Amino acid sequence: MSHRVLPHMRQGSLYTLASFYGSRSKNGEAESTSNEDGEKEDVYQFGVILLQIITGKVMAAASSELGSLKLQLENGLREEPSVLRSLADPSVRGMYAYESLRTTVEFSINCLCEDQRKRPSI
């Protein structure tokens, strides 16, 4: 099993943002993937990391919390800017342009697309 730990910088300290053990299917079982499938899985994991950075919440890639958060952010994109801003990590609110937040949220949601063929390429 390969083990990757991805660091997250927050207010000058190093926190563990996420840890992934190989590639997992929806039911949590290990699965073998081709190179392209592996790249698309990496894109999915990148989307998870972006959402964690945006919101300041750490969650498992296959958790219901991730699905709920993704839905909240999708709805936030359709609402007033204040709704999307309210979903951002409180420690960084107001430190960026709204359009930057919007673009990053859109990109992360695309990375989390259920159909891996619709995910961005590396």
PDB file of N, CA and C in Angstrom:
ATOM      1  N   MET A   1       0.830  -1.178   0.000  1.00  0.00           N
ATOM      2  CA  MET A   1       0.000   0.000   0.000  1.00  0.00           C
ATOM      3  C   MET A   1       0.879   1.247   0.000  1.00  0.00           C
ATOM      4  N   SER A   2       0.578   2.138  -0.936  1.00  0.00           N
ATOM      5  CA  SER A   2       1.327   3.392  -0.932  1.00  0.00           C
ATOM      6  C   SER A   2       0.660   4.350   0.041  1.00  0.00           C
ATOM      7  N   HIS A   3       1.447   5.169   0.678  1.00  0.00           N
ATOM      8  CA  HIS A   3       0.926   6.095   1.685  1.00  0.00           C
ATOM      9  C   HIS A   3       1.428   7.481   1.331  1.00  0.00           C
ATOM     10  N   ARG A   4       0.492   8.380   1.087  1.00  0.00           N
ATOM     11  CA  ARG A   4       0.856   9.756   0.791  1.00  0.00           C
ATOM     12  C   ARG A   4       0.216  10.663   1.824  1.00  0.00           C
ATOM     13  N   VAL A   5       0.991  11.503   2.422  1.00  0.00           N
ATOM     14  CA  VAL A   5       0.464  12.490   3.359  1.00  0.00           C
ATOM     15  C   VAL A   5       0.713  13.850   2.743  1.00  0.00           C
ATOM     16  N   LEU A   6      -0.331  14.645   2.670  1.00  0.00           N
ATOM     17  CA  LEU A   6      -0.230  15.949   2.041  1.00  0.00           C
ATOM     18  C   LEU A   6      -0.299  17.022   3.112  1.00  0.00           C
ATOM     19  N   PRO A   7       0.703  17.889   3.172  1.00  0.00           N
ATOM     20  CA  PRO A   7       0.730  18.910   4.213  1.00  0.00           C
ATOM     21  C   PRO A   7      -0.195  20.078   3.896  1.00  0.00           C
ATOM     22  N   HIS A   8      -0.614  20.766   4.912  1.00  0.00           N
ATOM     23  CA  HIS A   8      -1.451  21.953   4.781  1.00  0.00           C
ATOM     24  C   HIS A   8      -0.849  23.040   5.663  1.00  0.00           C
ATOM     25  N   MET A   9      -0.520  24.167   5.069  1.00  0.00           N
ATOM     26  CA  MET A   9       0.027  25.279   5.832  1.00  0.00           C
ATOM     27  C   MET A   9      -1.125  26.143   6.324  1.00  0.00           C
ATOM     28  N   ARG A  10      -1.138  26.398   7.600  1.00  0.00           N
ATOM     29  CA  ARG A  10      -2.180  27.239   8.170  1.00  0.00           C
ATOM     30  C   ARG A  10      -1.557  28.081   9.269  1.00  0.00           C
ATOM     31  N   GLN A  11      -1.588  29.365   9.073  1.00  0.00           N
ATOM     32  CA  GLN A  11      -1.058  30.325  10.028  1.00  0.00           C
ATOM     33  C   GLN A  11       0.344  29.931  10.500  1.00  0.00           C
ATOM     34  N   GLY A  12       1.186  29.537   9.535  1.00  0.00           N
ATOM     35  CA  GLY A  12       2.580  29.254   9.840  1.00  0.00           C
ATOM     36  C   GLY A  12       2.869  27.885  10.403  1.00  0.00           C
ATOM     37  N   SER A  13       1.880  27.062  10.620  1.00  0.00           N
ATOM     38  CA  SER A  13       2.106  25.729  11.170  1.00  0.00           C
ATOM     39  C   SER A  13       1.782  24.678  10.126  1.00  0.00           C
ATOM     40  N   LEU A  14       2.434  23.553  10.227  1.00  0.00           N
ATOM     41  CA  LEU A  14       2.207  22.458   9.290  1.00  0.00           C
ATOM     42  C   LEU A  14       1.210  21.483   9.899  1.00  0.00           C
ATOM     43  N   TYR A  15       0.104  21.290   9.224  1.00  0.00           N
ATOM     44  CA  TYR A  15      -0.913  20.336   9.662  1.00  0.00           C
ATOM     45  C   TYR A  15      -1.019  19.238   8.609  1.00  0.00           C
ATOM     46  N   THR A  16      -1.415  18.092   9.012  1.00  0.00           N
ATOM     47  CA  THR A  16      -1.693  17.042   8.048  1.00  0.00           C
ATOM     48  C   THR A  16      -3.078  17.296   7.498  1.00  0.00           C
ATOM     49  N   LEU A  17      -3.153  17.484   6.195  1.00  0.00           N
ATOM     50  CA  LEU A  17      -4.435  17.773   5.564  1.00  0.00           C
ATOM     51  C   LEU A  17      -5.177  16.497   5.225  1.00  0.00           C
ATOM     52  N   ALA A  18      -4.492  15.557   4.620  1.00  0.00           N
ATOM     53  CA  ALA A  18      -5.180  14.333   4.214  1.00  0.00           C
ATOM     54  C   ALA A  18      -4.168  13.223   4.048  1.00  0.00           C
ATOM     55  N   SER A  19      -4.629  12.017   4.238  1.00  0.00           N
ATOM     56  CA  SER A  19      -3.790  10.843   4.048  1.00  0.00           C
ATOM     57  C   SER A  19      -4.579   9.846   3.221  1.00  0.00           C
ATOM     58  N   PHE A  20      -3.966   9.363   2.177  1.00  0.00           N
ATOM     59  CA  PHE A  20      -4.666   8.447   1.286  1.00  0.00           C
ATOM     60  C   PHE A  20      -3.865   7.164   1.161  1.00  0.00           C
ATOM     61  N   TYR A  21      -4.553   6.054   1.166  1.00  0.00           N
ATOM     62  CA  TYR A  21      -3.927   4.751   1.038  1.00  0.00           C
ATOM     63  C   TYR A  21      -4.349   4.136  -0.285  1.00  0.00           C
ATOM     64  N   GLY A  22      -3.527   4.338  -1.327  1.00  0.00           N
ATOM     65  CA  GLY A  22      -3.844   3.764  -2.623  1.00  0.00           C
ATOM     66  C   GLY A  22      -5.142   4.321  -3.179  1.00  0.00           C
ATOM     67  N   SER A  23      -5.653   3.661  -4.170  1.00  0.00           N
ATOM     68  CA  SER A  23      -6.898   4.052  -4.805  1.00  0.00           C
ATOM     69  C   SER A  23      -8.033   3.226  -4.225  1.00  0.00           C
ATOM     70  N   ARG A  24      -9.145   3.859  -3.959  1.00  0.00           N
ATOM     71  CA  ARG A  24     -10.280   3.168  -3.345  1.00  0.00           C
ATOM     72  C   ARG A  24     -11.522   3.319  -4.213  1.00  0.00           C
ATOM     73  N   SER A  25     -12.344   2.283  -4.234  1.00  0.00           N
ATOM     74  CA  SER A  25     -13.629   2.368  -4.903  1.00  0.00           C
ATOM     75  C   SER A  25     -14.621   3.028  -3.955  1.00  0.00           C
ATOM     76  N   LYS A  26     -15.854   3.249  -4.435  1.00  0.00           N
ATOM     77  CA  LYS A  26     -16.864   3.905  -3.599  1.00  0.00           C
ATOM     78  C   LYS A  26     -17.151   3.129  -2.324  1.00  0.00           C
ATOM     79  N   ASN A  27     -17.053   1.798  -2.387  1.00  0.00           N
ATOM     80  CA  ASN A  27     -17.345   1.007  -1.193  1.00  0.00           C
ATOM     81  C   ASN A  27     -16.115   0.816  -0.316  1.00  0.00           C
ATOM     82  N   GLY A  28     -15.003   1.486  -0.657  1.00  0.00           N
ATOM     83  CA  GLY A  28     -13.817   1.464   0.190  1.00  0.00           C
ATOM     84  C   GLY A  28     -12.837   0.350  -0.111  1.00  0.00           C
ATOM     85  N   GLU A  29     -13.176  -0.522  -1.072  1.00  0.00           N
ATOM     86  CA  GLU A  29     -12.268  -1.616  -1.402  1.00  0.00           C
ATOM     87  C   GLU A  29     -11.161  -1.112  -2.320  1.00  0.00           C
ATOM     88  N   ALA A  30      -9.970  -1.688  -2.162  1.00  0.00           N
ATOM     89  CA  ALA A  30      -8.857  -1.320  -3.032  1.00  0.00           C
ATOM     90  C   ALA A  30      -9.174  -1.772  -4.445  1.00  0.00           C
ATOM     91  N   GLU A  31      -8.776  -0.973  -5.414  1.00  0.00           N
ATOM     92  CA  GLU A  31      -8.992  -1.352  -6.798  1.00  0.00           C
ATOM     93  C   GLU A  31      -7.740  -1.040  -7.601  1.00  0.00           C
ATOM     94  N   SER A  32      -7.508  -1.832  -8.626  1.00  0.00           N
ATOM     95  CA  SER A  32      -6.363  -1.564  -9.484  1.00  0.00           C
ATOM     96  C   SER A  32      -6.822  -0.620 -10.584  1.00  0.00           C
ATOM     97  N   THR A  33      -5.941   0.279 -10.996  1.00  0.00           N
ATOM     98  CA  THR A  33      -6.313   1.260 -11.997  1.00  0.00           C
ATOM     99  C   THR A  33      -5.248   1.344 -13.063  1.00  0.00           C
ATOM    100  N   SER A  34      -5.680   1.717 -14.270  1.00  0.00           N
ATOM    101  CA  SER A  34      -4.727   1.995 -15.329  1.00  0.00           C
ATOM    102  C   SER A  34      -4.094   3.344 -15.027  1.00  0.00           C
ATOM    103  N   ASN A  35      -3.112   3.737 -15.819  1.00  0.00           N
ATOM    104  CA  ASN A  35      -2.448   5.023 -15.616  1.00  0.00           C
ATOM    105  C   ASN A  35      -3.449   6.172 -15.725  1.00  0.00           C
ATOM    106  N   GLU A  36      -4.333   6.115 -16.731  1.00  0.00           N
ATOM    107  CA  GLU A  36      -5.323   7.179 -16.901  1.00  0.00           C
ATOM    108  C   GLU A  36      -6.294   7.204 -15.726  1.00  0.00           C
ATOM    109  N   ASP A  37      -6.736   6.030 -15.281  1.00  0.00           N
ATOM    110  CA  ASP A  37      -7.622   5.970 -14.119  1.00  0.00           C
ATOM    111  C   ASP A  37      -6.912   6.512 -12.884  1.00  0.00           C
ATOM    112  N   GLY A  38      -5.627   6.191 -12.758  1.00  0.00           N
ATOM    113  CA  GLY A  38      -4.841   6.695 -11.628  1.00  0.00           C
ATOM    114  C   GLY A  38      -4.740   8.206 -11.647  1.00  0.00           C
ATOM    115  N   GLU A  39      -4.553   8.763 -12.847  1.00  0.00           N
ATOM    116  CA  GLU A  39      -4.488  10.221 -12.967  1.00  0.00           C
ATOM    117  C   GLU A  39      -5.823  10.857 -12.602  1.00  0.00           C
ATOM    118  N   LYS A  40      -6.909  10.256 -13.041  1.00  0.00           N
ATOM    119  CA  LYS A  40      -8.233  10.804 -12.732  1.00  0.00           C
ATOM    120  C   LYS A  40      -8.538  10.674 -11.239  1.00  0.00           C
ATOM    121  N   GLU A  41      -8.032   9.613 -10.607  1.00  0.00           N
ATOM    122  CA  GLU A  41      -8.181   9.471  -9.155  1.00  0.00           C
ATOM    123  C   GLU A  41      -7.369  10.557  -8.451  1.00  0.00           C
ATOM    124  N   ASP A  42      -6.176  10.845  -8.973  1.00  0.00           N
ATOM    125  CA  ASP A  42      -5.359  11.927  -8.409  1.00  0.00           C
ATOM    126  C   ASP A  42      -6.088  13.266  -8.522  1.00  0.00           C
ATOM    127  N   VAL A  43      -6.756  13.487  -9.662  1.00  0.00           N
ATOM    128  CA  VAL A  43      -7.519  14.722  -9.857  1.00  0.00           C
ATOM    129  C   VAL A  43      -8.648  14.800  -8.830  1.00  0.00           C
ATOM    130  N   TYR A  44      -9.320  13.672  -8.586  1.00  0.00           N
ATOM    131  CA  TYR A  44     -10.390  13.631  -7.580  1.00  0.00           C
ATOM    132  C   TYR A  44      -9.827  13.992  -6.202  1.00  0.00           C
ATOM    133  N   GLN A  45      -8.713  13.376  -5.842  1.00  0.00           N
ATOM    134  CA  GLN A  45      -8.099  13.649  -4.535  1.00  0.00           C
ATOM    135  C   GLN A  45      -7.672  15.115  -4.431  1.00  0.00           C
ATOM    136  N   PHE A  46      -7.201  15.682  -5.541  1.00  0.00           N
ATOM    137  CA  PHE A  46      -6.834  17.096  -5.561  1.00  0.00           C
ATOM    138  C   PHE A  46      -8.067  17.960  -5.278  1.00  0.00           C
ATOM    139  N   GLY A  47      -9.207  17.585  -5.849  1.00  0.00           N
ATOM    140  CA  GLY A  47     -10.454  18.297  -5.575  1.00  0.00           C
ATOM    141  C   GLY A  47     -10.829  18.246  -4.106  1.00  0.00           C
ATOM    142  N   VAL A  48     -10.616  17.082  -3.485  1.00  0.00           N
ATOM    143  CA  VAL A  48     -10.878  16.939  -2.044  1.00  0.00           C
ATOM    144  C   VAL A  48      -9.984  17.895  -1.262  1.00  0.00           C
ATOM    145  N   ILE A  49      -8.719  17.924  -1.616  1.00  0.00           N
ATOM    146  CA  ILE A  49      -7.759  18.794  -0.925  1.00  0.00           C
ATOM    147  C   ILE A  49      -8.147  20.266  -1.087  1.00  0.00           C
ATOM    148  N   LEU A  50      -8.520  20.655  -2.304  1.00  0.00           N
ATOM    149  CA  LEU A  50      -8.934  22.044  -2.520  1.00  0.00           C
ATOM    150  C   LEU A  50     -10.138  22.409  -1.652  1.00  0.00           C
ATOM    151  N   LEU A  51     -11.125  21.517  -1.585  1.00  0.00           N
ATOM    152  CA  LEU A  51     -12.289  21.806  -0.739  1.00  0.00           C
ATOM    153  C   LEU A  51     -11.897  21.922   0.724  1.00  0.00           C
ATOM    154  N   GLN A  52     -10.946  21.105   1.145  1.00  0.00           N
ATOM    155  CA  GLN A  52     -10.483  21.181   2.530  1.00  0.00           C
ATOM    156  C   GLN A  52      -9.787  22.509   2.796  1.00  0.00           C
ATOM    157  N   ILE A  53      -9.010  22.960   1.839  1.00  0.00           N
ATOM    158  CA  ILE A  53      -8.319  24.244   1.995  1.00  0.00           C
ATOM    159  C   ILE A  53      -9.330  25.393   1.986  1.00  0.00           C
ATOM    160  N   ILE A  54     -10.285  25.343   1.064  1.00  0.00           N
ATOM    161  CA  ILE A  54     -11.284  26.403   0.952  1.00  0.00           C
ATOM    162  C   ILE A  54     -12.106  26.528   2.229  1.00  0.00           C
ATOM    163  N   THR A  55     -12.537  25.396   2.759  1.00  0.00           N
ATOM    164  CA  THR A  55     -13.463  25.413   3.899  1.00  0.00           C
ATOM    165  C   THR A  55     -12.781  25.297   5.254  1.00  0.00           C
ATOM    166  N   GLY A  56     -11.540  24.814   5.277  1.00  0.00           N
ATOM    167  CA  GLY A  56     -10.849  24.606   6.544  1.00  0.00           C
ATOM    168  C   GLY A  56     -11.313  23.364   7.271  1.00  0.00           C
ATOM    169  N   LYS A  57     -12.044  22.494   6.571  1.00  0.00           N
ATOM    170  CA  LYS A  57     -12.559  21.258   7.172  1.00  0.00           C
ATOM    171  C   LYS A  57     -11.814  20.062   6.597  1.00  0.00           C
ATOM    172  N   VAL A  58     -11.406  19.157   7.472  1.00  0.00           N
ATOM    173  CA  VAL A  58     -10.741  17.931   7.038  1.00  0.00           C
ATOM    174  C   VAL A  58     -11.775  16.820   7.018  1.00  0.00           C
ATOM    175  N   MET A  59     -11.831  16.107   5.885  1.00  0.00           N
ATOM    176  CA  MET A  59     -12.810  15.027   5.755  1.00  0.00           C
ATOM    177  C   MET A  59     -12.250  13.934   4.866  1.00  0.00           C
ATOM    178  N   ALA A  60     -12.789  12.752   4.996  1.00  0.00           N
ATOM    179  CA  ALA A  60     -12.372  11.629   4.162  1.00  0.00           C
ATOM    180  C   ALA A  60     -12.946  11.805   2.764  1.00  0.00           C
ATOM    181  N   ALA A  61     -12.197  11.321   1.764  1.00  0.00           N
ATOM    182  CA  ALA A  61     -12.612  11.472   0.373  1.00  0.00           C
ATOM    183  C   ALA A  61     -13.934  10.783   0.083  1.00  0.00           C
ATOM    184  N   ALA A  62     -14.239   9.714   0.780  1.00  0.00           N
ATOM    185  CA  ALA A  62     -15.466   8.958   0.515  1.00  0.00           C
ATOM    186  C   ALA A  62     -16.558   9.240   1.540  1.00  0.00           C
ATOM    187  N   SER A  63     -16.446  10.328   2.278  1.00  0.00           N
ATOM    188  CA  SER A  63     -17.405  10.588   3.356  1.00  0.00           C
ATOM    189  C   SER A  63     -18.669  11.276   2.843  1.00  0.00           C
ATOM    190  N   SER A  64     -19.747  11.108   3.578  1.00  0.00           N
ATOM    191  CA  SER A  64     -20.992  11.803   3.248  1.00  0.00           C
ATOM    192  C   SER A  64     -20.831  13.301   3.496  1.00  0.00           C
ATOM    193  N   GLU A  65     -19.940  13.657   4.418  1.00  0.00           N
ATOM    194  CA  GLU A  65     -19.674  15.074   4.697  1.00  0.00           C
ATOM    195  C   GLU A  65     -19.133  15.767   3.446  1.00  0.00           C
ATOM    196  N   LEU A  66     -18.284  15.072   2.689  1.00  0.00           N
ATOM    197  CA  LEU A  66     -17.739  15.642   1.458  1.00  0.00           C
ATOM    198  C   LEU A  66     -18.862  15.898   0.459  1.00  0.00           C
ATOM    199  N   GLY A  67     -19.753  14.930   0.296  1.00  0.00           N
ATOM    200  CA  GLY A  67     -20.876  15.100  -0.625  1.00  0.00           C
ATOM    201  C   GLY A  67     -21.769  16.254  -0.222  1.00  0.00           C
ATOM    202  N   SER A  68     -22.019  16.377   1.059  1.00  0.00           N
ATOM    203  CA  SER A  68     -22.843  17.462   1.576  1.00  0.00           C
ATOM    204  C   SER A  68     -22.172  18.815   1.344  1.00  0.00           C
ATOM    205  N   LEU A  69     -20.879  18.882   1.604  1.00  0.00           N
ATOM    206  CA  LEU A  69     -20.133  20.124   1.416  1.00  0.00           C
ATOM    207  C   LEU A  69     -20.090  20.512  -0.059  1.00  0.00           C
ATOM    208  N   LYS A  70     -19.884  19.525  -0.920  1.00  0.00           N
ATOM    209  CA  LYS A  70     -19.876  19.786  -2.366  1.00  0.00           C
ATOM    210  C   LYS A  70     -21.214  20.378  -2.796  1.00  0.00           C
ATOM    211  N   LEU A  71     -22.305  19.822  -2.307  1.00  0.00           N
ATOM    212  CA  LEU A  71     -23.638  20.324  -2.637  1.00  0.00           C
ATOM    213  C   LEU A  71     -23.833  21.753  -2.125  1.00  0.00           C
ATOM    214  N   GLN A  72     -23.376  22.031  -0.912  1.00  0.00           N
ATOM    215  CA  GLN A  72     -23.478  23.388  -0.361  1.00  0.00           C
ATOM    216  C   GLN A  72     -22.715  24.382  -1.227  1.00  0.00           C
ATOM    217  N   LEU A  73     -21.524  23.991  -1.673  1.00  0.00           N
ATOM    218  CA  LEU A  73     -20.718  24.885  -2.501  1.00  0.00           C
ATOM    219  C   LEU A  73     -21.348  25.074  -3.879  1.00  0.00           C
ATOM    220  N   GLU A  74     -21.905  24.000  -4.449  1.00  0.00           N
ATOM    221  CA  GLU A  74     -22.602  24.130  -5.735  1.00  0.00           C
ATOM    222  C   GLU A  74     -23.769  25.104  -5.605  1.00  0.00           C
ATOM    223  N   ASN A  75     -24.520  24.989  -4.524  1.00  0.00           N
ATOM    224  CA  ASN A  75     -25.628  25.921  -4.279  1.00  0.00           C
ATOM    225  C   ASN A  75     -25.106  27.334  -4.046  1.00  0.00           C
ATOM    226  N   GLY A  76     -23.982  27.450  -3.340  1.00  0.00           N
ATOM    227  CA  GLY A  76     -23.379  28.753  -3.080  1.00  0.00           C
ATOM    228  C   GLY A  76     -22.961  29.477  -4.347  1.00  0.00           C
ATOM    229  N   LEU A  77     -22.586  28.712  -5.370  1.00  0.00           N
ATOM    230  CA  LEU A  77     -22.212  29.312  -6.653  1.00  0.00           C
ATOM    231  C   LEU A  77     -23.411  29.965  -7.338  1.00  0.00           C
ATOM    232  N   ARG A  78     -24.610  29.464  -7.051  1.00  0.00           N
ATOM    233  CA  ARG A  78     -25.831  29.992  -7.677  1.00  0.00           C
ATOM    234  C   ARG A  78     -26.453  31.135  -6.872  1.00  0.00           C
ATOM    235  N   GLU A  79     -25.977  31.325  -5.664  1.00  0.00           N
ATOM    236  CA  GLU A  79     -26.552  32.336  -4.766  1.00  0.00           C
ATOM    237  C   GLU A  79     -25.726  33.625  -4.810  1.00  0.00           C
ATOM    238  N   GLU A  80     -26.052  34.508  -3.909  1.00  0.00           N
ATOM    239  CA  GLU A  80     -25.302  35.754  -3.746  1.00  0.00           C
ATOM    240  C   GLU A  80     -23.871  35.445  -3.307  1.00  0.00           C
ATOM    241  N   PRO A  81     -22.904  36.303  -3.639  1.00  0.00           N
ATOM    242  CA  PRO A  81     -21.514  36.073  -3.226  1.00  0.00           C
ATOM    243  C   PRO A  81     -21.347  35.840  -1.727  1.00  0.00           C
ATOM    244  N   SER A  82     -22.176  36.466  -0.912  1.00  0.00           N
ATOM    245  CA  SER A  82     -22.043  36.313   0.542  1.00  0.00           C
ATOM    246  C   SER A  82     -22.274  34.870   0.990  1.00  0.00           C
ATOM    247  N   VAL A  83     -23.098  34.119   0.257  1.00  0.00           N
ATOM    248  CA  VAL A  83     -23.368  32.721   0.617  1.00  0.00           C
ATOM    249  C   VAL A  83     -22.107  31.886   0.424  1.00  0.00           C
ATOM    250  N   LEU A  84     -21.453  32.036  -0.719  1.00  0.00           N
ATOM    251  CA  LEU A  84     -20.224  31.286  -0.980  1.00  0.00           C
ATOM    252  C   LEU A  84     -19.121  31.717  -0.014  1.00  0.00           C
ATOM    253  N   ARG A  85     -19.016  33.006   0.228  1.00  0.00           N
ATOM    254  CA  ARG A  85     -18.001  33.494   1.172  1.00  0.00           C
ATOM    255  C   ARG A  85     -18.208  32.912   2.570  1.00  0.00           C
ATOM    256  N   SER A  86     -19.464  32.723   2.960  1.00  0.00           N
ATOM    257  CA  SER A  86     -19.748  32.201   4.301  1.00  0.00           C
ATOM    258  C   SER A  86     -19.312  30.746   4.459  1.00  0.00           C
ATOM    259  N   LEU A  87     -19.126  30.039   3.353  1.00  0.00           N
ATOM    260  CA  LEU A  87     -18.689  28.642   3.406  1.00  0.00           C
ATOM    261  C   LEU A  87     -17.166  28.516   3.481  1.00  0.00           C
ATOM    262  N   ALA A  88     -16.471  29.617   3.229  1.00  0.00           N
ATOM    263  CA  ALA A  88     -15.006  29.601   3.255  1.00  0.00           C
ATOM    264  C   ALA A  88     -14.488  29.550   4.690  1.00  0.00           C
ATOM    265  N   ASP A  89     -13.272  29.058   4.833  1.00  0.00           N
ATOM    266  CA  ASP A  89     -12.596  28.985   6.130  1.00  0.00           C
ATOM    267  C   ASP A  89     -12.597  30.377   6.771  1.00  0.00           C
ATOM    268  N   PRO A  90     -13.141  30.501   7.968  1.00  0.00           N
ATOM    269  CA  PRO A  90     -13.211  31.809   8.634  1.00  0.00           C
ATOM    270  C   PRO A  90     -11.850  32.482   8.809  1.00  0.00           C
ATOM    271  N   SER A  91     -10.792  31.693   8.918  1.00  0.00           N
ATOM    272  CA  SER A  91      -9.471  32.292   9.151  1.00  0.00           C
ATOM    273  C   SER A  91      -8.919  33.005   7.920  1.00  0.00           C
ATOM    274  N   VAL A  92      -9.526  32.787   6.744  1.00  0.00           N
ATOM    275  CA  VAL A  92      -9.031  33.449   5.534  1.00  0.00           C
ATOM    276  C   VAL A  92     -10.102  34.281   4.829  1.00  0.00           C
ATOM    277  N   ARG A  93     -11.288  34.362   5.407  1.00  0.00           N
ATOM    278  CA  ARG A  93     -12.353  35.158   4.777  1.00  0.00           C
ATOM    279  C   ARG A  93     -11.907  36.600   4.600  1.00  0.00           C
ATOM    280  N   GLY A  94     -12.219  37.130   3.440  1.00  0.00           N
ATOM    281  CA  GLY A  94     -11.902  38.523   3.162  1.00  0.00           C
ATOM    282  C   GLY A  94     -10.470  38.763   2.727  1.00  0.00           C
ATOM    283  N   MET A  95      -9.677  37.703   2.594  1.00  0.00           N
ATOM    284  CA  MET A  95      -8.266  37.855   2.220  1.00  0.00           C
ATOM    285  C   MET A  95      -8.049  37.569   0.735  1.00  0.00           C
ATOM    286  N   TYR A  96      -9.109  37.471  -0.046  1.00  0.00           N
ATOM    287  CA  TYR A  96      -9.014  37.101  -1.449  1.00  0.00           C
ATOM    288  C   TYR A  96     -10.191  37.729  -2.190  1.00  0.00           C
ATOM    289  N   ALA A  97     -10.065  37.809  -3.504  1.00  0.00           N
ATOM    290  CA  ALA A  97     -11.155  38.318  -4.331  1.00  0.00           C
ATOM    291  C   ALA A  97     -12.232  37.245  -4.473  1.00  0.00           C
ATOM    292  N   TYR A  98     -13.485  37.664  -4.523  1.00  0.00           N
ATOM    293  CA  TYR A  98     -14.594  36.720  -4.665  1.00  0.00           C
ATOM    294  C   TYR A  98     -14.418  35.861  -5.910  1.00  0.00           C
ATOM    295  N   GLU A  99     -14.003  36.454  -7.022  1.00  0.00           N
ATOM    296  CA  GLU A  99     -13.843  35.692  -8.270  1.00  0.00           C
ATOM    297  C   GLU A  99     -12.787  34.593  -8.125  1.00  0.00           C
ATOM    298  N   SER A 100     -11.763  34.835  -7.334  1.00  0.00           N
ATOM    299  CA  SER A 100     -10.750  33.797  -7.083  1.00  0.00           C
ATOM    300  C   SER A 100     -11.366  32.634  -6.315  1.00  0.00           C
ATOM    301  N   LEU A 101     -12.169  32.943  -5.310  1.00  0.00           N
ATOM    302  CA  LEU A 101     -12.869  31.909  -4.553  1.00  0.00           C
ATOM    303  C   LEU A 101     -13.799  31.132  -5.471  1.00  0.00           C
ATOM    304  N   ARG A 102     -14.582  31.843  -6.253  1.00  0.00           N
ATOM    305  CA  ARG A 102     -15.541  31.212  -7.165  1.00  0.00           C
ATOM    306  C   ARG A 102     -14.832  30.278  -8.149  1.00  0.00           C
ATOM    307  N   THR A 103     -13.760  30.737  -8.749  1.00  0.00           N
ATOM    308  CA  THR A 103     -13.016  29.927  -9.716  1.00  0.00           C
ATOM    309  C   THR A 103     -12.445  28.680  -9.058  1.00  0.00           C
ATOM    310  N   THR A 104     -11.899  28.815  -7.869  1.00  0.00           N
ATOM    311  CA  THR A 104     -11.319  27.672  -7.157  1.00  0.00           C
ATOM    312  C   THR A 104     -12.396  26.665  -6.775  1.00  0.00           C
ATOM    313  N   VAL A 105     -13.544  27.148  -6.331  1.00  0.00           N
ATOM    314  CA  VAL A 105     -14.657  26.253  -5.988  1.00  0.00           C
ATOM    315  C   VAL A 105     -15.141  25.523  -7.240  1.00  0.00           C
ATOM    316  N   GLU A 106     -15.311  26.240  -8.340  1.00  0.00           N
ATOM    317  CA  GLU A 106     -15.749  25.601  -9.588  1.00  0.00           C
ATOM    318  C   GLU A 106     -14.768  24.517 -10.017  1.00  0.00           C
ATOM    319  N   PHE A 107     -13.477  24.821  -9.944  1.00  0.00           N
ATOM    320  CA  PHE A 107     -12.457  23.851 -10.341  1.00  0.00           C
ATOM    321  C   PHE A 107     -12.496  22.625  -9.433  1.00  0.00           C
ATOM    322  N   SER A 108     -12.598  22.838  -8.134  1.00  0.00           N
ATOM    323  CA  SER A 108     -12.608  21.701  -7.207  1.00  0.00           C
ATOM    324  C   SER A 108     -13.846  20.833  -7.422  1.00  0.00           C
ATOM    325  N   ILE A 109     -14.982  21.443  -7.696  1.00  0.00           N
ATOM    326  CA  ILE A 109     -16.202  20.675  -7.970  1.00  0.00           C
ATOM    327  C   ILE A 109     -16.034  19.853  -9.246  1.00  0.00           C
ATOM    328  N   ASN A 110     -15.402  20.429 -10.262  1.00  0.00           N
ATOM    329  CA  ASN A 110     -15.129  19.669 -11.489  1.00  0.00           C
ATOM    330  C   ASN A 110     -14.209  18.488 -11.211  1.00  0.00           C
ATOM    331  N   CYS A 111     -13.249  18.667 -10.334  1.00  0.00           N
ATOM    332  CA  CYS A 111     -12.338  17.576  -9.968  1.00  0.00           C
ATOM    333  C   CYS A 111     -13.084  16.440  -9.271  1.00  0.00           C
ATOM    334  N   LEU A 112     -14.186  16.754  -8.605  1.00  0.00           N
ATOM    335  CA  LEU A 112     -14.952  15.774  -7.838  1.00  0.00           C
ATOM    336  C   LEU A 112     -16.094  15.150  -8.634  1.00  0.00           C
ATOM    337  N   CYS A 113     -16.134  15.397  -9.920  1.00  0.00           N
ATOM    338  CA  CYS A 113     -17.197  14.862 -10.764  1.00  0.00           C
ATOM    339  C   CYS A 113     -17.242  13.336 -10.655  1.00  0.00           C
ATOM    340  N   GLU A 114     -18.450  12.778 -10.483  1.00  0.00           N
ATOM    341  CA  GLU A 114     -18.610  11.321 -10.371  1.00  0.00           C
ATOM    342  C   GLU A 114     -18.088  10.611 -11.619  1.00  0.00           C
ATOM    343  N   ASP A 115     -18.363  11.172 -12.788  1.00  0.00           N
ATOM    344  CA  ASP A 115     -17.881  10.594 -14.045  1.00  0.00           C
ATOM    345  C   ASP A 115     -16.441  11.055 -14.249  1.00  0.00           C
ATOM    346  N   GLN A 116     -15.497  10.152 -14.035  1.00  0.00           N
ATOM    347  CA  GLN A 116     -14.090  10.556 -14.085  1.00  0.00           C
ATOM    348  C   GLN A 116     -13.679  11.082 -15.456  1.00  0.00           C
ATOM    349  N   ARG A 117     -14.400  10.724 -16.514  1.00  0.00           N
ATOM    350  CA  ARG A 117     -14.064  11.239 -17.853  1.00  0.00           C
ATOM    351  C   ARG A 117     -14.313  12.735 -17.950  1.00  0.00           C
ATOM    352  N   LYS A 118     -15.170  13.266 -17.082  1.00  0.00           N
ATOM    353  CA  LYS A 118     -15.488  14.696 -17.092  1.00  0.00           C
ATOM    354  C   LYS A 118     -14.585  15.507 -16.174  1.00  0.00           C
ATOM    355  N   ARG A 119     -13.710  14.830 -15.442  1.00  0.00           N
ATOM    356  CA  ARG A 119     -12.772  15.542 -14.564  1.00  0.00           C
ATOM    357  C   ARG A 119     -11.683  16.201 -15.405  1.00  0.00           C
ATOM    358  N   PRO A 120     -11.111  17.298 -14.912  1.00  0.00           N
ATOM    359  CA  PRO A 120      -9.992  17.927 -15.636  1.00  0.00           C
ATOM    360  C   PRO A 120      -8.814  16.961 -15.759  1.00  0.00           C
ATOM    361  N   SER A 121      -7.983  17.208 -16.749  1.00  0.00           N
ATOM    362  CA  SER A 121      -6.769  16.403 -16.928  1.00  0.00           C
ATOM    363  C   SER A 121      -5.617  17.043 -16.188  1.00  0.00           C
ATOM    364  N   ILE A 122      -4.631  16.217 -15.895  1.00  0.00           N
ATOM    365  CA  ILE A 122      -3.430  16.717 -15.217  1.00  0.00           C
ATOM    366  C   ILE A 122      -2.588  17.481 -16.209  1.00  0.00           C
TER     367      ILE A 122
END
